[in-house]
Amino acid sequence: METAQRLAVDLPGLALKNPIIPASGTCGYGQQVAKNYDLNLLGSLVLKSTTLHARAGNPQPRVCETSAGWLNANGLQNVGVDAVVREKLPWLHRYYPDLPVIASAAGFSTAEYETVVEQLAAAPTVSAIELNVSCPNVKHGGLAMGTDPAVLEDLTRKVVRRAKGKPIYVKLTPNVTDIVPLAQAAERGGANGLTMVNTLTGLSINLRTRRPVLANVTGGLSGPALKTMALRMIHQVRSVSSLPIIGVGGIESAEDVLEFMMAGANAVEVGAASFHDPLACPRIAADLPLVMDRYGINKLTDLWEVRF
């Protein structure tokens, strides 16, 4: 069997040559990482989370390395949806016309999400939209939009109506007691797929200053520390839902990719690995056929049948 057939994955709106996707916030809008490698080596990429208006982000320092990953509190720094549609997407289409692009929508109210999704969906070069629901909801006491099943179901239903048929993948937060009701809420709201999981809230302290390392005090933890938790949550959701799942959380190798797919993921996003290895994504994609041979795996989609 040809390598292309072994690695290919088809998801709603996404015909992927391989399952490797740089996670939102780790590849900007593509221009920077394109200096390191050919983006056509990827299955897709997720743009930086985009809000209605441009945001400068949180005060510095907002990123630090930990013993098992990275903490970041970037504060949704982005150029705003108008600039994404007007400048960033045309650049990607010009240089990588065959690369499926996943936009990422964020907001601080349901109305803002609806507007952002509508504008992103109108762009012909957007293949799918990931919904970042870890943003604080200003109308619900600042709690993240994705922590309340009723709020999440309502939000998902409303943005799906604005998406003009573009698939919506809801990115679930792990900062909850039980992630299953949230996955079910997204499914009831009409989500076409799920991304699991976002970062886990963490804290790092500078012993000399006796202060938090990050100016924001807390940040989102990504990296190897998340892997086993992400695998467990994906397995839990796969047990109750047939929605496509894009797995994310601590993926550093082709072996990790296979674990995620055995747990129930249909594709994966690579995040923090790219911070210490800028070539992580193409390296993992290149390693996949070799590691599949080692474990007697003919094609990746065979792993979708694994259940335990």
C-alpha atoms as a PDB file:
ATOM      1  CA  MET A   1       0.000   0.000   0.000  1.00  0.00           C
ATOM      2  CA  GLU A   2       1.251   3.473  -0.888  1.00  0.00           C
ATOM      3  CA  THR A   3       2.385   5.643   2.037  1.00  0.00           C
ATOM      4  CA  ALA A   4      -0.166   8.294   1.083  1.00  0.00           C
ATOM      5  CA  GLN A   5      -3.001   5.783   1.480  1.00  0.00           C
ATOM      6  CA  ARG A   6      -1.633   4.544   4.799  1.00  0.00           C
ATOM      7  CA  LEU A   7      -1.554   8.000   6.357  1.00  0.00           C
ATOM      8  CA  ALA A   8      -4.612   9.663   4.777  1.00  0.00           C
ATOM      9  CA  VAL A   9      -7.476  10.689   7.058  1.00  0.00           C
ATOM     10  CA  ASP A  10     -10.852  12.106   6.011  1.00  0.00           C
ATOM     11  CA  LEU A  11     -12.824  14.201   8.504  1.00  0.00           C
ATOM     12  CA  PRO A  12     -15.763  16.579   8.001  1.00  0.00           C
ATOM     13  CA  GLY A  13     -14.438  19.327   5.731  1.00  0.00           C
ATOM     14  CA  LEU A  14     -10.874  18.011   5.957  1.00  0.00           C
ATOM     15  CA  ALA A  15      -9.178  15.646   3.513  1.00  0.00           C
ATOM     16  CA  LEU A  16      -5.843  15.183   5.281  1.00  0.00           C
ATOM     17  CA  LYS A  17      -2.787  13.603   3.640  1.00  0.00           C
ATOM     18  CA  ASN A  18      -1.654  12.722   7.174  1.00  0.00           C
ATOM     19  CA  PRO A  19      -3.111  13.311  10.658  1.00  0.00           C
ATOM     20  CA  ILE A  20      -0.507  15.854  11.823  1.00  0.00           C
ATOM     21  CA  ILE A  21      -1.846  19.350  12.525  1.00  0.00           C
ATOM     22  CA  PRO A  22       0.015  22.152  14.354  1.00  0.00           C
ATOM     23  CA  ALA A  23      -2.206  23.286  17.234  1.00  0.00           C
ATOM     24  CA  SER A  24      -3.651  26.762  17.451  1.00  0.00           C
ATOM     25  CA  GLY A  25      -1.198  29.239  18.930  1.00  0.00           C
ATOM     26  CA  THR A  26       1.881  27.232  17.930  1.00  0.00           C
ATOM     27  CA  CYS A  27       2.148  28.186  14.264  1.00  0.00           C
ATOM     28  CA  GLY A  28       0.737  31.731  14.190  1.00  0.00           C
ATOM     29  CA  TYR A  29      -0.826  32.195  10.766  1.00  0.00           C
ATOM     30  CA  GLY A  30       1.658  29.978   8.957  1.00  0.00           C
ATOM     31  CA  GLN A  31       4.198  32.561   7.815  1.00  0.00           C
ATOM     32  CA  GLN A  32       6.733  31.981  10.582  1.00  0.00           C
ATOM     33  CA  VAL A  33       6.734  28.181  10.520  1.00  0.00           C
ATOM     34  CA  ALA A  34       6.907  28.236   6.723  1.00  0.00           C
ATOM     35  CA  LYS A  35      10.454  29.547   7.178  1.00  0.00           C
ATOM     36  CA  ASN A  36      11.337  26.267   8.906  1.00  0.00           C
ATOM     37  CA  TYR A  37       9.675  23.703   6.638  1.00  0.00           C
ATOM     38  CA  ASP A  38       7.256  23.156   3.750  1.00  0.00           C
ATOM     39  CA  LEU A  39       3.714  23.418   5.128  1.00  0.00           C
ATOM     40  CA  ASN A  40       2.593  20.899   2.506  1.00  0.00           C
ATOM     41  CA  LEU A  41       4.198  18.244   4.714  1.00  0.00           C
ATOM     42  CA  LEU A  42       1.309  18.764   7.160  1.00  0.00           C
ATOM     43  CA  GLY A  43      -2.191  17.381   7.152  1.00  0.00           C
ATOM     44  CA  SER A  44      -3.584  20.810   7.999  1.00  0.00           C
ATOM     45  CA  LEU A  45      -2.873  23.680  10.384  1.00  0.00           C
ATOM     46  CA  VAL A  46      -4.938  25.609  12.911  1.00  0.00           C
ATOM     47  CA  LEU A  47      -4.623  29.380  12.879  1.00  0.00           C
ATOM     48  CA  LYS A  48      -4.130  31.409  16.033  1.00  0.00           C
ATOM     49  CA  SER A  49      -7.428  31.909  17.899  1.00  0.00           C
ATOM     50  CA  THR A  50      -9.152  34.936  16.433  1.00  0.00           C
ATOM     51  CA  THR A  51     -11.400  37.452  18.169  1.00  0.00           C
ATOM     52  CA  LEU A  52     -13.615  40.173  16.708  1.00  0.00           C
ATOM     53  CA  HIS A  53     -11.071  42.903  17.393  1.00  0.00           C
ATOM     54  CA  ALA A  54      -7.271  42.803  17.537  1.00  0.00           C
ATOM     55  CA  ARG A  55      -5.823  42.041  20.971  1.00  0.00           C
ATOM     56  CA  ALA A  56      -2.372  42.868  22.338  1.00  0.00           C
ATOM     57  CA  GLY A  57      -2.555  39.998  24.825  1.00  0.00           C
ATOM     58  CA  ASN A  58      -1.489  39.812  28.458  1.00  0.00           C
ATOM     59  CA  PRO A  59       1.516  41.626  30.000  1.00  0.00           C
ATOM     60  CA  GLN A  60       4.954  40.004  29.830  1.00  0.00           C
ATOM     61  CA  PRO A  61       6.195  37.545  30.906  1.00  0.00           C
ATOM     62  CA  ARG A  62       3.461  35.300  29.594  1.00  0.00           C
ATOM     63  CA  VAL A  63       5.334  32.097  28.714  1.00  0.00           C
ATOM     64  CA  CYS A  64       7.620  29.908  30.803  1.00  0.00           C
ATOM     65  CA  GLU A  65       9.001  26.388  30.658  1.00  0.00           C
ATOM     66  CA  THR A  66       8.132  23.930  33.428  1.00  0.00           C
ATOM     67  CA  SER A  67       9.497  20.519  34.386  1.00  0.00           C
ATOM     68  CA  ALA A  68       6.979  18.765  32.123  1.00  0.00           C
ATOM     69  CA  GLY A  69       5.802  21.300  29.569  1.00  0.00           C
ATOM     70  CA  TRP A  70       5.063  24.966  29.065  1.00  0.00           C
ATOM     71  CA  LEU A  71       2.835  27.516  30.769  1.00  0.00           C
ATOM     72  CA  ASN A  72       1.412  30.271  28.611  1.00  0.00           C
ATOM     73  CA  ALA A  73      -0.915  33.164  29.293  1.00  0.00           C
ATOM     74  CA  ASN A  74      -0.835  34.892  25.928  1.00  0.00           C
ATOM     75  CA  GLY A  75      -4.284  36.364  26.446  1.00  0.00           C
ATOM     76  CA  LEU A  76      -5.553  35.597  22.940  1.00  0.00           C
ATOM     77  CA  GLN A  77      -3.099  37.934  21.239  1.00  0.00           C
ATOM     78  CA  ASN A  78      -4.247  38.165  17.620  1.00  0.00           C
ATOM     79  CA  VAL A  79      -4.754  40.580  14.739  1.00  0.00           C
ATOM     80  CA  GLY A  80      -8.563  40.403  14.731  1.00  0.00           C
ATOM     81  CA  VAL A  81     -10.902  38.663  12.313  1.00  0.00           C
ATOM     82  CA  ASP A  82     -10.854  41.389   9.637  1.00  0.00           C
ATOM     83  CA  ALA A  83      -7.068  41.177   9.266  1.00  0.00           C
ATOM     84  CA  VAL A  84      -7.144  37.369   9.268  1.00  0.00           C
ATOM     85  CA  VAL A  85      -9.644  37.324   6.411  1.00  0.00           C
ATOM     86  CA  ARG A  86      -8.040  40.197   4.522  1.00  0.00           C
ATOM     87  CA  GLU A  87      -4.324  39.372   4.963  1.00  0.00           C
ATOM     88  CA  LYS A  88      -3.494  36.044   6.600  1.00  0.00           C
ATOM     89  CA  LEU A  89      -5.791  33.675   4.712  1.00  0.00           C
ATOM     90  CA  PRO A  90      -4.886  35.068   1.247  1.00  0.00           C
ATOM     91  CA  TRP A  91      -1.185  34.524   2.011  1.00  0.00           C
ATOM     92  CA  LEU A  92      -1.787  30.870   2.880  1.00  0.00           C
ATOM     93  CA  HIS A  93      -3.902  30.347  -0.212  1.00  0.00           C
ATOM     94  CA  ARG A  94      -1.301  31.983  -2.426  1.00  0.00           C
ATOM     95  CA  TYR A  95       1.605  29.818  -1.277  1.00  0.00           C
ATOM     96  CA  TYR A  96      -0.226  26.676  -0.061  1.00  0.00           C
ATOM     97  CA  PRO A  97      -3.434  26.418  -2.095  1.00  0.00           C
ATOM     98  CA  ASP A  98      -3.882  22.696  -1.394  1.00  0.00           C
ATOM     99  CA  LEU A  99      -3.398  22.865   2.386  1.00  0.00           C
ATOM    100  CA  PRO A 100      -6.645  22.525   4.384  1.00  0.00           C
ATOM    101  CA  VAL A 101      -6.865  25.444   6.818  1.00  0.00           C
ATOM    102  CA  ILE A 102      -8.678  25.326  10.146  1.00  0.00           C
ATOM    103  CA  ALA A 103      -9.555  28.742  11.553  1.00  0.00           C
ATOM    104  CA  SER A 104      -9.949  29.175  15.313  1.00  0.00           C
ATOM    105  CA  ALA A 105     -12.758  31.343  16.672  1.00  0.00           C
ATOM    106  CA  ALA A 106     -12.727  32.916  20.129  1.00  0.00           C
ATOM    107  CA  GLY A 107     -14.870  35.485  21.892  1.00  0.00           C
ATOM    108  CA  PHE A 108     -16.078  36.918  25.173  1.00  0.00           C
ATOM    109  CA  SER A 109     -19.805  36.607  24.502  1.00  0.00           C
ATOM    110  CA  THR A 110     -22.052  34.435  22.373  1.00  0.00           C
ATOM    111  CA  ALA A 111     -22.673  37.357  20.034  1.00  0.00           C
ATOM    112  CA  GLU A 112     -18.931  37.836  19.462  1.00  0.00           C
ATOM    113  CA  TYR A 113     -18.452  34.153  18.675  1.00  0.00           C
ATOM    114  CA  GLU A 114     -21.317  34.281  16.187  1.00  0.00           C
ATOM    115  CA  THR A 115     -19.849  37.281  14.368  1.00  0.00           C
ATOM    116  CA  VAL A 116     -16.321  35.845  14.246  1.00  0.00           C
ATOM    117  CA  VAL A 117     -17.540  32.457  12.996  1.00  0.00           C
ATOM    118  CA  GLU A 118     -19.713  34.072  10.337  1.00  0.00           C
ATOM    119  CA  GLN A 119     -16.792  36.092   8.977  1.00  0.00           C
ATOM    120  CA  LEU A 120     -14.358  33.169   9.041  1.00  0.00           C
ATOM    121  CA  ALA A 121     -16.893  30.844   7.422  1.00  0.00           C
ATOM    122  CA  ALA A 122     -17.400  33.321   4.577  1.00  0.00           C
ATOM    123  CA  ALA A 123     -13.722  32.971   3.616  1.00  0.00           C
ATOM    124  CA  PRO A 124     -13.528  30.361   0.823  1.00  0.00           C
ATOM    125  CA  THR A 125     -10.066  29.206   1.952  1.00  0.00           C
ATOM    126  CA  VAL A 126     -11.264  28.112   5.406  1.00  0.00           C
ATOM    127  CA  SER A 127     -11.996  24.374   5.437  1.00  0.00           C
ATOM    128  CA  ALA A 128     -13.249  24.118   9.022  1.00  0.00           C
ATOM    129  CA  ILE A 129     -13.525  26.183  12.198  1.00  0.00           C
ATOM    130  CA  GLU A 130     -12.288  25.218  15.643  1.00  0.00           C
ATOM    131  CA  LEU A 131     -14.233  26.782  18.496  1.00  0.00           C
ATOM    132  CA  ASN A 132     -11.978  27.836  21.372  1.00  0.00           C
ATOM    133  CA  VAL A 133     -14.437  27.741  24.274  1.00  0.00           C
ATOM    134  CA  SER A 134     -11.883  28.315  27.035  1.00  0.00           C
ATOM    135  CA  CYS A 135     -12.490  32.072  26.886  1.00  0.00           C
ATOM    136  CA  PRO A 136     -14.066  33.797  29.921  1.00  0.00           C
ATOM    137  CA  ASN A 137     -17.745  34.605  29.421  1.00  0.00           C
ATOM    138  CA  VAL A 138     -18.208  38.201  30.552  1.00  0.00           C
ATOM    139  CA  LYS A 139     -21.966  37.693  30.878  1.00  0.00           C
ATOM    140  CA  HIS A 140     -21.587  34.604  33.083  1.00  0.00           C
ATOM    141  CA  GLY A 141     -19.257  35.799  35.828  1.00  0.00           C
ATOM    142  CA  GLY A 142     -16.060  35.309  33.835  1.00  0.00           C
ATOM    143  CA  LEU A 143     -16.300  31.507  33.791  1.00  0.00           C
ATOM    144  CA  ALA A 144     -14.958  29.857  30.666  1.00  0.00           C
ATOM    145  CA  MET A 145     -17.646  29.383  28.036  1.00  0.00           C
ATOM    146  CA  GLY A 146     -16.847  25.691  27.761  1.00  0.00           C
ATOM    147  CA  THR A 147     -17.296  24.671  31.404  1.00  0.00           C
ATOM    148  CA  ASP A 148     -21.118  24.779  31.508  1.00  0.00           C
ATOM    149  CA  PRO A 149     -22.888  22.179  29.325  1.00  0.00           C
ATOM    150  CA  ALA A 150     -26.005  24.338  28.875  1.00  0.00           C
ATOM    151  CA  VAL A 151     -23.974  27.390  27.833  1.00  0.00           C
ATOM    152  CA  LEU A 152     -21.793  25.282  25.531  1.00  0.00           C
ATOM    153  CA  GLU A 153     -24.757  23.626  23.828  1.00  0.00           C
ATOM    154  CA  ASP A 154     -26.414  26.990  23.208  1.00  0.00           C
ATOM    155  CA  LEU A 155     -23.175  28.533  21.916  1.00  0.00           C
ATOM    156  CA  THR A 156     -22.471  25.598  19.602  1.00  0.00           C
ATOM    157  CA  ARG A 157     -26.002  25.633  18.170  1.00  0.00           C
ATOM    158  CA  LYS A 158     -25.819  29.365  17.448  1.00  0.00           C
ATOM    159  CA  VAL A 159     -22.411  29.319  15.768  1.00  0.00           C
ATOM    160  CA  VAL A 160     -23.314  26.271  13.685  1.00  0.00           C
ATOM    161  CA  ARG A 161     -26.157  28.333  12.212  1.00  0.00           C
ATOM    162  CA  ARG A 162     -23.670  31.057  11.281  1.00  0.00           C
ATOM    163  CA  ALA A 163     -21.051  28.715   9.852  1.00  0.00           C
ATOM    164  CA  LYS A 164     -22.562  28.476   6.343  1.00  0.00           C
ATOM    165  CA  GLY A 165     -22.062  24.727   6.316  1.00  0.00           C
ATOM    166  CA  LYS A 166     -18.401  24.871   7.351  1.00  0.00           C
ATOM    167  CA  PRO A 167     -17.693  22.120   9.914  1.00  0.00           C
ATOM    168  CA  ILE A 168     -17.388  23.222  13.544  1.00  0.00           C
ATOM    169  CA  TYR A 169     -14.926  21.447  15.850  1.00  0.00           C
ATOM    170  CA  VAL A 170     -15.437  22.339  19.511  1.00  0.00           C
ATOM    171  CA  LYS A 171     -12.177  22.432  21.479  1.00  0.00           C
ATOM    172  CA  LEU A 172     -12.963  21.121  24.943  1.00  0.00           C
ATOM    173  CA  THR A 173     -11.316  22.331  28.136  1.00  0.00           C
ATOM    174  CA  PRO A 174      -9.901  19.786  30.625  1.00  0.00           C
ATOM    175  CA  ASN A 175     -10.530  22.191  33.519  1.00  0.00           C
ATOM    176  CA  VAL A 176     -13.695  20.376  34.584  1.00  0.00           C
ATOM    177  CA  THR A 177     -14.640  17.469  36.826  1.00  0.00           C
ATOM    178  CA  ASP A 178     -16.198  15.451  33.992  1.00  0.00           C
ATOM    179  CA  ILE A 179     -15.584  16.216  30.326  1.00  0.00           C
ATOM    180  CA  VAL A 180     -18.218  13.806  28.982  1.00  0.00           C
ATOM    181  CA  PRO A 181     -21.263  16.093  29.557  1.00  0.00           C
ATOM    182  CA  LEU A 182     -19.443  18.861  27.671  1.00  0.00           C
ATOM    183  CA  ALA A 183     -18.761  16.602  24.688  1.00  0.00           C
ATOM    184  CA  GLN A 184     -22.396  15.536  24.690  1.00  0.00           C
ATOM    185  CA  ALA A 185     -23.522  19.171  24.906  1.00  0.00           C
ATOM    186  CA  ALA A 186     -21.383  20.094  21.893  1.00  0.00           C
ATOM    187  CA  GLU A 187     -22.810  17.145  19.985  1.00  0.00           C
ATOM    188  CA  ARG A 188     -26.398  18.132  20.817  1.00  0.00           C
ATOM    189  CA  GLY A 189     -25.576  21.650  19.654  1.00  0.00           C
ATOM    190  CA  GLY A 190     -24.638  20.321  16.222  1.00  0.00           C
ATOM    191  CA  ALA A 191     -20.834  20.177  16.383  1.00  0.00           C
ATOM    192  CA  ASN A 192     -19.236  18.253  13.521  1.00  0.00           C
ATOM    193  CA  GLY A 193     -16.281  17.208  15.633  1.00  0.00           C
ATOM    194  CA  LEU A 194     -14.319  17.759  18.836  1.00  0.00           C
ATOM    195  CA  THR A 195     -10.760  18.813  19.625  1.00  0.00           C
ATOM    196  CA  MET A 196      -9.478  17.358  22.898  1.00  0.00           C
ATOM    197  CA  VAL A 197      -8.001  18.820  25.011  1.00  0.00           C
ATOM    198  CA  ASN A 198      -7.080  22.438  25.580  1.00  0.00           C
ATOM    199  CA  THR A 199      -4.517  23.458  28.209  1.00  0.00           C
ATOM    200  CA  LEU A 200      -4.818  22.768  31.932  1.00  0.00           C
ATOM    201  CA  THR A 201      -4.616  25.815  34.195  1.00  0.00           C
ATOM    202  CA  GLY A 202      -1.330  25.885  36.115  1.00  0.00           C
ATOM    203  CA  LEU A 203       0.958  28.083  38.198  1.00  0.00           C
ATOM    204  CA  SER A 204       4.742  28.496  38.399  1.00  0.00           C
ATOM    205  CA  ILE A 205       6.500  30.434  41.188  1.00  0.00           C
ATOM    206  CA  ASN A 206       9.883  32.183  41.194  1.00  0.00           C
ATOM    207  CA  LEU A 207      11.544  31.319  44.513  1.00  0.00           C
ATOM    208  CA  ARG A 208      13.803  34.389  44.471  1.00  0.00           C
ATOM    209  CA  THR A 209      11.048  36.931  43.909  1.00  0.00           C
ATOM    210  CA  ARG A 210       8.405  34.884  45.753  1.00  0.00           C
ATOM    211  CA  ARG A 211       6.066  35.842  42.951  1.00  0.00           C
ATOM    212  CA  PRO A 212       4.402  33.967  40.063  1.00  0.00           C
ATOM    213  CA  VAL A 213       6.632  33.633  37.015  1.00  0.00           C
ATOM    214  CA  LEU A 214       3.811  34.776  34.723  1.00  0.00           C
ATOM    215  CA  ALA A 215       2.481  38.318  34.978  1.00  0.00           C
ATOM    216  CA  ASN A 216      -1.023  36.860  34.661  1.00  0.00           C
ATOM    217  CA  VAL A 217      -0.284  34.615  37.708  1.00  0.00           C
ATOM    218  CA  THR A 218      -1.735  31.474  36.082  1.00  0.00           C
ATOM    219  CA  GLY A 219      -1.402  30.085  32.576  1.00  0.00           C
ATOM    220  CA  GLY A 220      -2.346  27.132  30.420  1.00  0.00           C
ATOM    221  CA  LEU A 221      -0.126  24.075  30.817  1.00  0.00           C
ATOM    222  CA  SER A 222       0.759  22.173  27.651  1.00  0.00           C
ATOM    223  CA  GLY A 223       3.287  19.458  26.900  1.00  0.00           C
ATOM    224  CA  PRO A 224       4.032  15.904  28.078  1.00  0.00           C
ATOM    225  CA  ALA A 225       2.325  16.419  31.448  1.00  0.00           C
ATOM    226  CA  LEU A 226      -1.033  16.475  29.653  1.00  0.00           C
ATOM    227  CA  LYS A 227      -0.654  13.297  27.627  1.00  0.00           C
ATOM    228  CA  THR A 228      -2.093  10.621  29.907  1.00  0.00           C
ATOM    229  CA  MET A 229      -4.939  12.884  31.002  1.00  0.00           C
ATOM    230  CA  ALA A 230      -5.797  13.728  27.389  1.00  0.00           C
ATOM    231  CA  LEU A 231      -5.749  10.038  26.447  1.00  0.00           C
ATOM    232  CA  ARG A 232      -8.099   9.221  29.309  1.00  0.00           C
ATOM    233  CA  MET A 233     -10.542  11.987  28.385  1.00  0.00           C
ATOM    234  CA  ILE A 234     -10.566  11.026  24.703  1.00  0.00           C
ATOM    235  CA  HIS A 235     -11.222   7.409  25.658  1.00  0.00           C
ATOM    236  CA  GLN A 236     -14.112   8.492  27.898  1.00  0.00           C
ATOM    237  CA  VAL A 237     -15.725  10.580  25.172  1.00  0.00           C
ATOM    238  CA  ARG A 238     -15.179   7.974  22.454  1.00  0.00           C
ATOM    239  CA  SER A 239     -17.128   5.544  24.629  1.00  0.00           C
ATOM    240  CA  VAL A 240     -20.262   7.704  24.364  1.00  0.00           C
ATOM    241  CA  SER A 241     -19.850   9.606  21.084  1.00  0.00           C
ATOM    242  CA  SER A 242     -19.093   8.825  17.447  1.00  0.00           C
ATOM    243  CA  LEU A 243     -18.101  12.409  16.607  1.00  0.00           C
ATOM    244  CA  PRO A 244     -14.683  12.785  14.973  1.00  0.00           C
ATOM    245  CA  ILE A 245     -12.043  13.711  17.554  1.00  0.00           C
ATOM    246  CA  ILE A 246      -8.821  15.617  16.933  1.00  0.00           C
ATOM    247  CA  GLY A 247      -6.565  14.662  19.840  1.00  0.00           C
ATOM    248  CA  VAL A 248      -4.098  17.082  21.409  1.00  0.00           C
ATOM    249  CA  GLY A 249      -2.060  17.193  24.575  1.00  0.00           C
ATOM    250  CA  GLY A 250       1.589  16.261  24.961  1.00  0.00           C
ATOM    251  CA  ILE A 251       2.200  14.643  21.569  1.00  0.00           C
ATOM    252  CA  GLU A 252       5.944  14.477  20.907  1.00  0.00           C
ATOM    253  CA  SER A 253       6.422  11.413  18.683  1.00  0.00           C
ATOM    254  CA  ALA A 254       4.840   9.104  16.133  1.00  0.00           C
ATOM    255  CA  GLU A 255       4.308   6.605  18.961  1.00  0.00           C
ATOM    256  CA  ASP A 256       2.231   9.227  20.776  1.00  0.00           C
ATOM    257  CA  VAL A 257       0.107   9.700  17.659  1.00  0.00           C
ATOM    258  CA  LEU A 258      -0.691   5.993  17.549  1.00  0.00           C
ATOM    259  CA  GLU A 259      -1.646   6.008  21.236  1.00  0.00           C
ATOM    260  CA  PHE A 260      -4.046   8.892  20.678  1.00  0.00           C
ATOM    261  CA  MET A 261      -5.650   7.146  17.732  1.00  0.00           C
ATOM    262  CA  MET A 262      -6.015   3.915  19.701  1.00  0.00           C
ATOM    263  CA  ALA A 263      -7.695   5.926  22.481  1.00  0.00           C
ATOM    264  CA  GLY A 264     -10.269   7.237  20.003  1.00  0.00           C
ATOM    265  CA  ALA A 265      -8.779  10.201  18.148  1.00  0.00           C
ATOM    266  CA  ASN A 266      -9.123  10.426  14.360  1.00  0.00           C
ATOM    267  CA  ALA A 267      -6.309  12.953  13.872  1.00  0.00           C
ATOM    268  CA  VAL A 268      -3.977  14.908  16.165  1.00  0.00           C
ATOM    269  CA  GLU A 269      -2.656  18.373  16.854  1.00  0.00           C
ATOM    270  CA  VAL A 270       0.929  18.968  17.955  1.00  0.00           C
ATOM    271  CA  GLY A 271       1.481  21.923  20.274  1.00  0.00           C
ATOM    272  CA  ALA A 272       4.241  22.382  22.833  1.00  0.00           C
ATOM    273  CA  ALA A 273       6.625  19.979  21.049  1.00  0.00           C
ATOM    274  CA  SER A 274       7.161  22.680  18.417  1.00  0.00           C
ATOM    275  CA  PHE A 275       8.473  25.089  21.070  1.00  0.00           C
ATOM    276  CA  HIS A 276      11.597  22.997  21.733  1.00  0.00           C
ATOM    277  CA  ASP A 277      11.700  21.321  18.303  1.00  0.00           C
ATOM    278  CA  PRO A 278      10.538  23.616  15.481  1.00  0.00           C
ATOM    279  CA  LEU A 279      10.581  20.620  13.123  1.00  0.00           C
ATOM    280  CA  ALA A 280       8.430  18.423  15.378  1.00  0.00           C
ATOM    281  CA  CYS A 281       5.444  18.262  13.025  1.00  0.00           C
ATOM    282  CA  PRO A 282       7.245  17.193   9.834  1.00  0.00           C
ATOM    283  CA  ARG A 283       9.481  14.868  11.883  1.00  0.00           C
ATOM    284  CA  ILE A 284       6.489  13.082  13.400  1.00  0.00           C
ATOM    285  CA  ALA A 285       4.780  12.823  10.003  1.00  0.00           C
ATOM    286  CA  ALA A 286       7.930  11.323   8.452  1.00  0.00           C
ATOM    287  CA  ASP A 287       8.337   8.852  11.337  1.00  0.00           C
ATOM    288  CA  LEU A 288       4.773   7.552  11.199  1.00  0.00           C
ATOM    289  CA  PRO A 289       5.184   4.912   8.444  1.00  0.00           C
ATOM    290  CA  LEU A 290       8.286   3.484  10.133  1.00  0.00           C
ATOM    291  CA  VAL A 291       6.618   3.246  13.529  1.00  0.00           C
ATOM    292  CA  MET A 292       3.471   1.784  11.960  1.00  0.00           C
ATOM    293  CA  ASP A 293       5.615  -0.946  10.386  1.00  0.00           C
ATOM    294  CA  ARG A 294       7.158  -1.692  13.779  1.00  0.00           C
ATOM    295  CA  TYR A 295       3.745  -2.310  15.309  1.00  0.00           C
ATOM    296  CA  GLY A 296       2.164  -4.060  12.330  1.00  0.00           C
ATOM    297  CA  ILE A 297      -0.252  -1.264  11.455  1.00  0.00           C
ATOM    298  CA  ASN A 298      -1.247  -1.232   7.788  1.00  0.00           C
ATOM    299  CA  LYS A 299      -3.084   2.079   7.698  1.00  0.00           C
ATOM    300  CA  LEU A 300      -3.973   4.635  10.367  1.00  0.00           C
ATOM    301  CA  THR A 301      -7.717   4.381   9.893  1.00  0.00           C
ATOM    302  CA  ASP A 302      -7.504   0.746  11.065  1.00  0.00           C
ATOM    303  CA  LEU A 303      -6.899   2.178  14.529  1.00  0.00           C
ATOM    304  CA  TRP A 304     -10.340   3.779  14.511  1.00  0.00           C
ATOM    305  CA  GLU A 305     -11.700   0.304  15.173  1.00  0.00           C
ATOM    306  CA  VAL A 306      -9.699  -0.176  18.371  1.00  0.00           C
ATOM    307  CA  ARG A 307     -11.975  -0.329  21.421  1.00  0.00           C
ATOM    308  CA  PHE A 308     -11.243  -1.241  25.023  1.00  0.00           C
END
